[in-house]
Amino acid sequence: MKRFALAIIGCMLATSALAAPKPCEELKAEIEAKIQASGVPSYTLEIVKNDEVHDQNMVVGSCENGTKKIIYQKNDR
């Protein structure tokens, strides 16, 4: 299951890297739709400034011309 989640996150990273800069809320909504479509039951997406990112492995998107990142965290039950 972890490999599946990592594959989805990797695809999201590749997709966001090729896309034009977007507003953070719009990109977050697109990422959220993909995560929900893959059936992840409990997760958190958060928009943070670049200097607030502690783990680069959690980054699933970059927005507002690279000044902010969207981080993903799966919530285990």
PDB file of N, CA and C in Angstrom:
ATOM      1  N   MET A   1       0.831  -1.196   0.000  1.00  0.00           N
ATOM      2  CA  MET A   1       0.000   0.000   0.000  1.00  0.00           C
ATOM      3  C   MET A   1       0.870   1.252   0.000  1.00  0.00           C
ATOM      4  N   LYS A   2       1.997   1.178   0.703  1.00  0.00           N
ATOM      5  CA  LYS A   2       2.891   2.337   0.736  1.00  0.00           C
ATOM      6  C   LYS A   2       3.478   2.617  -0.639  1.00  0.00           C
ATOM      7  N   ARG A   3       3.806   1.546  -1.364  1.00  0.00           N
ATOM      8  CA  ARG A   3       4.354   1.735  -2.707  1.00  0.00           C
ATOM      9  C   ARG A   3       3.324   2.387  -3.624  1.00  0.00           C
ATOM     10  N   PHE A   4       2.069   1.983  -3.465  1.00  0.00           N
ATOM     11  CA  PHE A   4       0.998   2.565  -4.271  1.00  0.00           C
ATOM     12  C   PHE A   4       0.870   4.062  -3.987  1.00  0.00           C
ATOM     13  N   ALA A   5       0.894   4.430  -2.706  1.00  0.00           N
ATOM     14  CA  ALA A   5       0.794   5.837  -2.329  1.00  0.00           C
ATOM     15  C   ALA A   5       1.988   6.619  -2.852  1.00  0.00           C
ATOM     16  N   LEU A   6       3.182   6.041  -2.771  1.00  0.00           N
ATOM     17  CA  LEU A   6       4.376   6.711  -3.287  1.00  0.00           C
ATOM     18  C   LEU A   6       4.301   6.887  -4.800  1.00  0.00           C
ATOM     19  N   ALA A   7       3.743   5.903  -5.488  1.00  0.00           N
ATOM     20  CA  ALA A   7       3.589   6.011  -6.940  1.00  0.00           C
ATOM     21  C   ALA A   7       2.638   7.145  -7.299  1.00  0.00           C
ATOM     22  N   ILE A   8       1.555   7.265  -6.555  1.00  0.00           N
ATOM     23  CA  ILE A   8       0.597   8.342  -6.815  1.00  0.00           C
ATOM     24  C   ILE A   8       1.242   9.691  -6.552  1.00  0.00           C
ATOM     25  N   ILE A   9       1.950   9.795  -5.454  1.00  0.00           N
ATOM     26  CA  ILE A   9       2.623  11.052  -5.119  1.00  0.00           C
ATOM     27  C   ILE A   9       3.660  11.388  -6.183  1.00  0.00           C
ATOM     28  N   GLY A  10       4.394  10.384  -6.644  1.00  0.00           N
ATOM     29  CA  GLY A  10       5.381  10.606  -7.698  1.00  0.00           C
ATOM     30  C   GLY A  10       4.743  11.113  -8.979  1.00  0.00           C
ATOM     31  N   CYS A  11       3.605  10.552  -9.330  1.00  0.00           N
ATOM     32  CA  CYS A  11       2.881  11.018 -10.526  1.00  0.00           C
ATOM     33  C   CYS A  11       2.413  12.451 -10.356  1.00  0.00           C
ATOM     34  N   MET A  12       1.946  12.768  -9.159  1.00  0.00           N
ATOM     35  CA  MET A  12       1.500  14.139  -8.908  1.00  0.00           C
ATOM     36  C   MET A  12       2.667  15.116  -9.007  1.00  0.00           C
ATOM     37  N   LEU A  13       3.816  14.720  -8.515  1.00  0.00           N
ATOM     38  CA  LEU A  13       4.995  15.577  -8.605  1.00  0.00           C
ATOM     39  C   LEU A  13       5.397  15.799 -10.053  1.00  0.00           C
ATOM     40  N   ALA A  14       5.383  14.746 -10.839  1.00  0.00           N
ATOM     41  CA  ALA A  14       5.745  14.861 -12.245  1.00  0.00           C
ATOM     42  C   ALA A  14       4.757  15.748 -12.988  1.00  0.00           C
ATOM     43  N   THR A  15       3.487  15.591 -12.701  1.00  0.00           N
ATOM     44  CA  THR A  15       2.463  16.400 -13.343  1.00  0.00           C
ATOM     45  C   THR A  15       2.601  17.863 -12.961  1.00  0.00           C
ATOM     46  N   SER A  16       2.822  18.134 -11.684  1.00  0.00           N
ATOM     47  CA  SER A  16       2.916  19.526 -11.247  1.00  0.00           C
ATOM     48  C   SER A  16       4.192  20.183 -11.746  1.00  0.00           C
ATOM     49  N   ALA A  17       5.252  19.411 -11.976  1.00  0.00           N
ATOM     50  CA  ALA A  17       6.506  19.989 -12.456  1.00  0.00           C
ATOM     51  C   ALA A  17       6.376  20.462 -13.901  1.00  0.00           C
ATOM     52  N   LEU A  18       5.532  19.798 -14.677  1.00  0.00           N
ATOM     53  CA  LEU A  18       5.373  20.168 -16.080  1.00  0.00           C
ATOM     54  C   LEU A  18       4.329  21.256 -16.301  1.00  0.00           C
ATOM     55  N   ALA A  19       3.499  21.490 -15.336  1.00  0.00           N
ATOM     56  CA  ALA A  19       2.407  22.445 -15.487  1.00  0.00           C
ATOM     57  C   ALA A  19       2.894  23.878 -15.275  1.00  0.00           C
ATOM     58  N   ALA A  20       2.137  24.821 -15.819  1.00  0.00           N
ATOM     59  CA  ALA A  20       2.434  26.241 -15.611  1.00  0.00           C
ATOM     60  C   ALA A  20       2.118  26.609 -14.166  1.00  0.00           C
ATOM     61  N   PRO A  21       2.748  27.673 -13.648  1.00  0.00           N
ATOM     62  CA  PRO A  21       2.472  28.091 -12.263  1.00  0.00           C
ATOM     63  C   PRO A  21       0.986  28.356 -12.058  1.00  0.00           C
ATOM     64  N   LYS A  22       0.464  27.861 -10.933  1.00  0.00           N
ATOM     65  CA  LYS A  22      -0.957  28.011 -10.628  1.00  0.00           C
ATOM     66  C   LYS A  22      -1.119  28.630  -9.250  1.00  0.00           C
ATOM     67  N   PRO A  23      -2.293  29.203  -9.012  1.00  0.00           N
ATOM     68  CA  PRO A  23      -2.606  29.632  -7.644  1.00  0.00           C
ATOM     69  C   PRO A  23      -2.668  28.405  -6.734  1.00  0.00           C
ATOM     70  N   CYS A  24      -2.261  28.564  -5.496  1.00  0.00           N
ATOM     71  CA  CYS A  24      -2.163  27.437  -4.561  1.00  0.00           C
ATOM     72  C   CYS A  24      -3.491  26.721  -4.343  1.00  0.00           C
ATOM     73  N   GLU A  25      -4.556  27.456  -4.164  1.00  0.00           N
ATOM     74  CA  GLU A  25      -5.849  26.817  -3.893  1.00  0.00           C
ATOM     75  C   GLU A  25      -6.314  25.972  -5.075  1.00  0.00           C
ATOM     76  N   GLU A  26      -6.067  26.442  -6.284  1.00  0.00           N
ATOM     77  CA  GLU A  26      -6.460  25.690  -7.480  1.00  0.00           C
ATOM     78  C   GLU A  26      -5.659  24.393  -7.584  1.00  0.00           C
ATOM     79  N   LEU A  27      -4.355  24.472  -7.378  1.00  0.00           N
ATOM     80  CA  LEU A  27      -3.512  23.287  -7.440  1.00  0.00           C
ATOM     81  C   LEU A  27      -3.858  22.318  -6.319  1.00  0.00           C
ATOM     82  N   LYS A  28      -4.115  22.828  -5.126  1.00  0.00           N
ATOM     83  CA  LYS A  28      -4.482  21.975  -3.993  1.00  0.00           C
ATOM     84  C   LYS A  28      -5.760  21.205  -4.306  1.00  0.00           C
ATOM     85  N   ALA A  29      -6.731  21.868  -4.919  1.00  0.00           N
ATOM     86  CA  ALA A  29      -7.993  21.215  -5.267  1.00  0.00           C
ATOM     87  C   ALA A  29      -7.773  20.092  -6.285  1.00  0.00           C
ATOM     88  N   GLU A  30      -6.888  20.308  -7.253  1.00  0.00           N
ATOM     89  CA  GLU A  30      -6.592  19.282  -8.249  1.00  0.00           C
ATOM     90  C   GLU A  30      -5.907  18.076  -7.610  1.00  0.00           C
ATOM     91  N   ILE A  31      -4.952  18.330  -6.732  1.00  0.00           N
ATOM     92  CA  ILE A  31      -4.243  17.248  -6.050  1.00  0.00           C
ATOM     93  C   ILE A  31      -5.207  16.477  -5.152  1.00  0.00           C
ATOM     94  N   GLU A  32      -6.066  17.200  -4.462  1.00  0.00           N
ATOM     95  CA  GLU A  32      -7.040  16.568  -3.575  1.00  0.00           C
ATOM     96  C   GLU A  32      -7.975  15.644  -4.355  1.00  0.00           C
ATOM     97  N   ALA A  33      -8.391  16.068  -5.532  1.00  0.00           N
ATOM     98  CA  ALA A  33      -9.271  15.233  -6.362  1.00  0.00           C
ATOM     99  C   ALA A  33      -8.561  13.936  -6.762  1.00  0.00           C
ATOM    100  N   LYS A  34      -7.276  14.028  -7.100  1.00  0.00           N
ATOM    101  CA  LYS A  34      -6.526  12.827  -7.476  1.00  0.00           C
ATOM    102  C   LYS A  34      -6.367  11.874  -6.292  1.00  0.00           C
ATOM    103  N   ILE A  35      -6.110  12.428  -5.119  1.00  0.00           N
ATOM    104  CA  ILE A  35      -5.942  11.587  -3.933  1.00  0.00           C
ATOM    105  C   ILE A  35      -7.257  10.890  -3.594  1.00  0.00           C
ATOM    106  N   GLN A  36      -8.358  11.630  -3.644  1.00  0.00           N
ATOM    107  CA  GLN A  36      -9.663  11.039  -3.348  1.00  0.00           C
ATOM    108  C   GLN A  36     -10.026   9.972  -4.373  1.00  0.00           C
ATOM    109  N   ALA A  37      -9.672  10.197  -5.630  1.00  0.00           N
ATOM    110  CA  ALA A  37      -9.964   9.222  -6.678  1.00  0.00           C
ATOM    111  C   ALA A  37      -9.186   7.927  -6.466  1.00  0.00           C
ATOM    112  N   SER A  38      -8.035   8.016  -5.821  1.00  0.00           N
ATOM    113  CA  SER A  38      -7.242   6.806  -5.568  1.00  0.00           C
ATOM    114  C   SER A  38      -7.702   6.069  -4.318  1.00  0.00           C
ATOM    115  N   GLY A  39      -8.648   6.657  -3.575  1.00  0.00           N
ATOM    116  CA  GLY A  39      -9.250   5.964  -2.444  1.00  0.00           C
ATOM    117  C   GLY A  39      -8.525   6.112  -1.121  1.00  0.00           C
ATOM    118  N   VAL A  40      -7.663   7.104  -0.982  1.00  0.00           N
ATOM    119  CA  VAL A  40      -6.985   7.314   0.296  1.00  0.00           C
ATOM    120  C   VAL A  40      -8.017   7.838   1.287  1.00  0.00           C
ATOM    121  N   PRO A  41      -8.225   7.129   2.410  1.00  0.00           N
ATOM    122  CA  PRO A  41      -9.320   7.485   3.319  1.00  0.00           C
ATOM    123  C   PRO A  41      -9.054   8.703   4.204  1.00  0.00           C
ATOM    124  N   SER A  42      -7.831   8.905   4.623  1.00  0.00           N
ATOM    125  CA  SER A  42      -7.563   9.978   5.571  1.00  0.00           C
ATOM    126  C   SER A  42      -6.193  10.592   5.284  1.00  0.00           C
ATOM    127  N   TYR A  43      -6.176  11.876   4.958  1.00  0.00           N
ATOM    128  CA  TYR A  43      -4.937  12.561   4.602  1.00  0.00           C
ATOM    129  C   TYR A  43      -5.067  14.047   4.915  1.00  0.00           C
ATOM    130  N   THR A  44      -3.939  14.733   4.846  1.00  0.00           N
ATOM    131  CA  THR A  44      -3.919  16.174   5.053  1.00  0.00           C
ATOM    132  C   THR A  44      -3.097  16.803   3.943  1.00  0.00           C
ATOM    133  N   LEU A  45      -3.627  17.852   3.328  1.00  0.00           N
ATOM    134  CA  LEU A  45      -2.885  18.682   2.388  1.00  0.00           C
ATOM    135  C   LEU A  45      -2.780  20.067   3.008  1.00  0.00           C
ATOM    136  N   GLU A  46      -1.582  20.628   2.970  1.00  0.00           N
ATOM    137  CA  GLU A  46      -1.382  21.932   3.587  1.00  0.00           C
ATOM    138  C   GLU A  46      -0.500  22.794   2.695  1.00  0.00           C
ATOM    139  N   ILE A  47      -0.841  24.064   2.565  1.00  0.00           N
ATOM    140  CA  ILE A  47      -0.050  25.025   1.807  1.00  0.00           C
ATOM    141  C   ILE A  47       0.873  25.740   2.794  1.00  0.00           C
ATOM    142  N   VAL A  48       2.183  25.682   2.512  1.00  0.00           N
ATOM    143  CA  VAL A  48       3.162  26.301   3.402  1.00  0.00           C
ATOM    144  C   VAL A  48       4.186  27.083   2.585  1.00  0.00           C
ATOM    145  N   LYS A  49       4.858  28.019   3.235  1.00  0.00           N
ATOM    146  CA  LYS A  49       5.961  28.738   2.599  1.00  0.00           C
ATOM    147  C   LYS A  49       7.147  27.789   2.475  1.00  0.00           C
ATOM    148  N   ASN A  50       8.025  28.074   1.523  1.00  0.00           N
ATOM    149  CA  ASN A  50       9.168  27.195   1.271  1.00  0.00           C
ATOM    150  C   ASN A  50      10.003  26.938   2.517  1.00  0.00           C
ATOM    151  N   ASP A  51      10.215  27.946   3.332  1.00  0.00           N
ATOM    152  CA  ASP A  51      11.074  27.776   4.506  1.00  0.00           C
ATOM    153  C   ASP A  51      10.403  26.978   5.626  1.00  0.00           C
ATOM    154  N   GLU A  52       9.123  26.678   5.497  1.00  0.00           N
ATOM    155  CA  GLU A  52       8.404  25.888   6.493  1.00  0.00           C
ATOM    156  C   GLU A  52       8.387  24.397   6.168  1.00  0.00           C
ATOM    157  N   VAL A  53       8.960  24.007   5.036  1.00  0.00           N
ATOM    158  CA  VAL A  53       9.000  22.599   4.634  1.00  0.00           C
ATOM    159  C   VAL A  53      10.144  21.921   5.375  1.00  0.00           C
ATOM    160  N   HIS A  54       9.818  20.873   6.150  1.00  0.00           N
ATOM    161  CA  HIS A  54      10.827  20.157   6.924  1.00  0.00           C
ATOM    162  C   HIS A  54      11.233  18.851   6.253  1.00  0.00           C
ATOM    163  N   ASP A  55      10.353  18.267   5.463  1.00  0.00           N
ATOM    164  CA  ASP A  55      10.629  16.999   4.793  1.00  0.00           C
ATOM    165  C   ASP A  55      10.239  17.126   3.326  1.00  0.00           C
ATOM    166  N   GLN A  56      11.220  17.169   2.440  1.00  0.00           N
ATOM    167  CA  GLN A  56      10.960  17.328   1.006  1.00  0.00           C
ATOM    168  C   GLN A  56      10.166  16.164   0.425  1.00  0.00           C
ATOM    169  N   ASN A  57      10.188  15.006   1.083  1.00  0.00           N
ATOM    170  CA  ASN A  57       9.430  13.852   0.601  1.00  0.00           C
ATOM    171  C   ASN A  57       7.927  14.051   0.730  1.00  0.00           C
ATOM    172  N   MET A  58       7.503  15.022   1.523  1.00  0.00           N
ATOM    173  CA  MET A  58       6.079  15.282   1.718  1.00  0.00           C
ATOM    174  C   MET A  58       5.533  16.284   0.695  1.00  0.00           C
ATOM    175  N   VAL A  59       6.404  16.934  -0.066  1.00  0.00           N
ATOM    176  CA  VAL A  59       5.986  17.956  -1.024  1.00  0.00           C
ATOM    177  C   VAL A  59       5.358  17.296  -2.247  1.00  0.00           C
ATOM    178  N   VAL A  60       4.118  17.702  -2.581  1.00  0.00           N
ATOM    179  CA  VAL A  60       3.427  17.155  -3.750  1.00  0.00           C
ATOM    180  C   VAL A  60       3.112  18.222  -4.784  1.00  0.00           C
ATOM    181  N   GLY A  61       3.474  19.465  -4.506  1.00  0.00           N
ATOM    182  CA  GLY A  61       3.220  20.521  -5.469  1.00  0.00           C
ATOM    183  C   GLY A  61       3.893  21.811  -5.078  1.00  0.00           C
ATOM    184  N   SER A  62       4.122  22.645  -6.086  1.00  0.00           N
ATOM    185  CA  SER A  62       4.704  23.959  -5.882  1.00  0.00           C
ATOM    186  C   SER A  62       3.787  24.967  -6.551  1.00  0.00           C
ATOM    187  N   CYS A  63       3.544  26.094  -5.886  1.00  0.00           N
ATOM    188  CA  CYS A  63       2.599  27.060  -6.433  1.00  0.00           C
ATOM    189  C   CYS A  63       3.070  28.489  -6.184  1.00  0.00           C
ATOM    190  N   GLU A  64       2.331  29.416  -6.757  1.00  0.00           N
ATOM    191  CA  GLU A  64       2.634  30.844  -6.666  1.00  0.00           C
ATOM    192  C   GLU A  64       4.088  31.112  -7.037  1.00  0.00           C
ATOM    193  N   ASN A  65       4.435  30.639  -8.247  1.00  0.00           N
ATOM    194  CA  ASN A  65       5.767  30.819  -8.826  1.00  0.00           C
ATOM    195  C   ASN A  65       6.878  30.273  -7.945  1.00  0.00           C
ATOM    196  N   GLY A  66       6.615  29.169  -7.274  1.00  0.00           N
ATOM    197  CA  GLY A  66       7.627  28.496  -6.483  1.00  0.00           C
ATOM    198  C   GLY A  66       7.854  29.060  -5.092  1.00  0.00           C
ATOM    199  N   THR A  67       7.028  29.998  -4.655  1.00  0.00           N
ATOM    200  CA  THR A  67       7.217  30.582  -3.328  1.00  0.00           C
ATOM    201  C   THR A  67       6.558  29.764  -2.227  1.00  0.00           C
ATOM    202  N   LYS A  68       5.633  28.876  -2.602  1.00  0.00           N
ATOM    203  CA  LYS A  68       4.932  28.040  -1.623  1.00  0.00           C
ATOM    204  C   LYS A  68       4.908  26.600  -2.109  1.00  0.00           C
ATOM    205  N   LYS A  69       4.737  25.687  -1.161  1.00  0.00           N
ATOM    206  CA  LYS A  69       4.656  24.259  -1.464  1.00  0.00           C
ATOM    207  C   LYS A  69       3.372  23.693  -0.872  1.00  0.00           C
ATOM    208  N   ILE A  70       2.908  22.608  -1.462  1.00  0.00           N
ATOM    209  CA  ILE A  70       1.771  21.861  -0.921  1.00  0.00           C
ATOM    210  C   ILE A  70       2.348  20.555  -0.396  1.00  0.00           C
ATOM    211  N   ILE A  71       2.095  20.294   0.881  1.00  0.00           N
ATOM    212  CA  ILE A  71       2.614  19.076   1.482  1.00  0.00           C
ATOM    213  C   ILE A  71       1.479  18.106   1.771  1.00  0.00           C
ATOM    214  N   TYR A  72       1.794  16.834   1.654  1.00  0.00           N
ATOM    215  CA  TYR A  72       0.834  15.733   1.827  1.00  0.00           C
ATOM    216  C   TYR A  72       1.254  14.904   3.024  1.00  0.00           C
ATOM    217  N   GLN A  73       0.284  14.537   3.833  1.00  0.00           N
ATOM    218  CA  GLN A  73       0.531  13.622   4.930  1.00  0.00           C
ATOM    219  C   GLN A  73      -0.643  12.673   5.026  1.00  0.00           C
ATOM    220  N   LYS A  74      -0.352  11.377   4.996  1.00  0.00           N
ATOM    221  CA  LYS A  74      -1.405  10.376   5.159  1.00  0.00           C
ATOM    222  C   LYS A  74      -1.636  10.182   6.644  1.00  0.00           C
ATOM    223  N   ASN A  75      -2.879  10.250   7.053  1.00  0.00           N
ATOM    224  CA  ASN A  75      -3.240  10.075   8.457  1.00  0.00           C
ATOM    225  C   ASN A  75      -3.601   8.620   8.690  1.00  0.00           C
ATOM    226  N   ASP A  76      -2.821   7.950   9.511  1.00  0.00           N
ATOM    227  CA  ASP A  76      -3.109   6.552   9.844  1.00  0.00           C
ATOM    228  C   ASP A  76      -4.152   6.508  10.946  1.00  0.00           C
ATOM    229  N   ARG A  77      -5.042   5.547  10.819  1.00  0.00           N
ATOM    230  CA  ARG A  77      -6.107   5.419  11.813  1.00  0.00           C
ATOM    231  C   ARG A  77      -5.684   4.560  12.940  1.00  0.00           C
TER     232      ARG A  77
END
